[in-house]
Amino acid sequence: MRIAKDQIPAKINVPGAVARQVTEFGDATGFGKMGGEYFSLAAGLDISPLLKGLKDDACQAPHWGYMIAGELVVTYTDGKSDTCKASDLFYWPPGHSVRVVADAEVVLFSPQHEHTHVMDHMLDAMKG
């Protein structure tokens, strides 16, 4: 699920302040502590080869985040995909991969246990 900033409904809209809110934006039930992550990703990067060996060969950690800059395509194990661009707010459920179209700056909030497992797996894959 991805939503552009201008599509997020304004809950408060007064001179000098606009607060936008999307409700029911993913479910964190059953997850423990969250990690805050900042990613700088180069165009052409595709993490799918690094996910081989994980369940469904995909990242199984959910992520909530914000695209600061760039563009990327998130592909889900059900075959659907989302294109995320600068200023988009997003939720990626478990079962996804990411390909970077244009250099990207991304902020993620993820369950730390689940995402640390995925990142450690990716580091091992890079070692060969």
Protein backbone atom coordinates (compact mmCIF):
# COMPACT_ATOMS: atom_id res chain seq x y z
CA MET A 1 0.00 0.00 0.00
CA ARG A 2 1.38 3.34 -1.07
CA ILE A 3 -0.19 6.78 -0.96
CA ALA A 4 1.04 10.11 -2.29
CA LYS A 5 1.19 12.99 0.18
CA ASP A 6 -1.52 14.98 -1.61
CA GLN A 7 -3.87 11.97 -1.43
CA ILE A 8 -3.63 11.68 2.36
CA PRO A 9 -6.71 13.27 3.90
CA ALA A 10 -6.10 16.39 5.99
CA LYS A 11 -7.34 15.76 9.53
CA ILE A 12 -6.33 19.27 10.62
CA ASN A 13 -6.04 22.09 8.11
CA VAL A 14 -5.61 25.53 9.66
CA PRO A 15 -3.36 28.46 8.76
CA GLY A 16 0.20 27.38 9.49
CA ALA A 17 -0.54 23.68 10.08
CA VAL A 18 -1.74 20.74 8.04
CA ALA A 19 -1.86 17.30 9.68
CA ARG A 20 -2.62 14.43 7.29
CA GLN A 21 -3.66 11.00 8.54
CA VAL A 22 -4.18 7.60 6.97
CA THR A 23 -5.93 5.14 9.27
CA GLU A 24 -5.63 1.33 9.18
CA PHE A 25 -2.21 1.63 7.53
CA GLY A 26 -0.89 -1.87 8.20
CA ASP A 27 -1.01 -4.02 11.31
CA ALA A 28 1.79 -4.32 13.87
CA THR A 29 -0.01 -6.90 16.03
CA GLY A 30 2.36 -9.58 17.27
CA PHE A 31 5.57 -7.67 16.63
CA GLY A 32 7.89 -6.48 19.37
CA LYS A 33 10.29 -3.56 19.26
CA MET A 34 10.52 -1.42 16.15
CA GLY A 35 13.65 -0.16 14.43
CA GLY A 36 13.99 3.15 12.59
CA GLU A 37 16.04 2.86 9.41
CA TYR A 38 17.36 5.28 6.80
CA PHE A 39 18.35 3.82 3.43
CA SER A 40 20.34 5.48 0.61
CA LEU A 41 19.89 3.28 -2.47
CA ALA A 42 21.46 3.58 -5.93
CA ALA A 43 19.51 3.27 -9.18
CA GLY A 44 19.69 -0.27 -10.56
CA LEU A 45 19.87 -1.98 -7.17
CA ASP A 46 17.69 -5.10 -7.01
CA ILE A 47 17.67 -6.94 -3.69
CA SER A 48 15.81 -10.04 -4.95
CA PRO A 49 18.98 -12.16 -5.48
CA LEU A 50 19.98 -11.44 -1.88
CA LEU A 51 16.63 -12.73 -0.58
CA LYS A 52 17.04 -16.23 -2.05
CA GLY A 53 16.67 -18.80 0.70
CA LEU A 54 14.26 -16.78 2.84
CA LYS A 55 10.62 -17.87 2.98
CA ASP A 56 9.18 -17.35 -0.54
CA ASP A 57 12.57 -15.79 -1.46
CA ALA A 58 11.23 -12.48 -0.13
CA CYS A 59 11.61 -10.08 2.77
CA GLN A 60 9.18 -11.22 5.47
CA ALA A 61 9.39 -8.09 7.62
CA PRO A 62 6.65 -5.49 7.27
CA HIS A 63 7.76 -1.89 6.78
CA TRP A 64 6.13 1.48 7.23
CA GLY A 65 7.96 4.39 5.68
CA TYR A 66 8.39 7.54 3.68
CA MET A 67 10.12 8.17 0.36
CA ILE A 68 12.26 11.28 0.67
CA ALA A 69 13.61 11.10 -2.88
CA GLY A 70 13.88 8.78 -5.85
CA GLU A 71 11.77 5.94 -7.15
CA LEU A 72 11.57 2.23 -6.47
CA VAL A 73 9.35 -0.69 -7.36
CA VAL A 74 8.18 -3.09 -4.66
CA THR A 75 7.12 -6.52 -5.93
CA TYR A 76 5.01 -8.78 -3.72
CA THR A 77 4.90 -12.57 -3.69
CA ASP A 78 1.30 -12.44 -4.97
CA GLY A 79 2.57 -10.84 -8.20
CA LYS A 80 1.34 -7.31 -7.48
CA SER A 81 3.69 -4.33 -7.36
CA ASP A 82 3.79 -0.71 -6.21
CA THR A 83 5.90 2.13 -7.54
CA CYS A 84 6.97 4.41 -4.71
CA LYS A 85 8.21 7.94 -5.45
CA ALA A 86 9.37 10.98 -3.48
CA SER A 87 6.84 12.16 -0.87
CA ASP A 88 4.96 8.83 -0.82
CA LEU A 89 3.96 7.28 2.48
CA PHE A 90 3.92 3.48 2.32
CA TYR A 91 3.28 0.16 4.03
CA TRP A 92 4.95 -2.97 2.63
CA PRO A 93 3.53 -6.18 4.14
CA PRO A 94 5.69 -9.28 4.57
CA GLY A 95 6.50 -11.00 1.27
CA HIS A 96 8.18 -8.38 -0.93
CA SER A 97 11.31 -7.40 -2.81
CA VAL A 98 12.64 -3.99 -3.89
CA ARG A 99 14.20 -2.69 -7.12
CA VAL A 100 15.51 0.89 -7.30
CA VAL A 101 14.61 2.86 -10.44
CA ALA A 102 16.14 6.23 -9.47
CA ASP A 103 18.57 6.97 -6.62
CA ALA A 104 16.44 6.86 -3.49
CA GLU A 105 16.43 8.10 0.09
CA VAL A 106 13.98 6.11 2.21
CA VAL A 107 12.97 6.10 5.88
CA LEU A 108 11.62 2.76 7.21
CA PHE A 109 10.11 1.67 10.49
CA SER A 110 10.29 -2.11 10.85
CA PRO A 111 10.00 -4.77 13.54
CA GLN A 112 13.67 -4.98 14.50
CA HIS A 113 13.87 -8.73 15.09
CA GLU A 114 12.32 -9.66 11.74
CA HIS A 115 14.19 -7.07 9.68
CA THR A 116 17.54 -7.73 11.35
CA HIS A 117 17.12 -11.39 10.34
CA VAL A 118 16.55 -10.33 6.71
CA MET A 119 19.49 -7.89 6.67
CA ASP A 120 21.82 -10.50 8.21
CA HIS A 121 20.70 -12.95 5.51
CA MET A 122 21.47 -10.36 2.83
CA LEU A 123 24.92 -9.68 4.31
CA ASP A 124 25.67 -13.42 4.26
CA ALA A 125 24.51 -13.61 0.62
CA MET A 126 26.89 -10.74 -0.32
CA LYS A 127 29.79 -12.65 1.23
CA GLY A 128 29.13 -15.47 -1.23
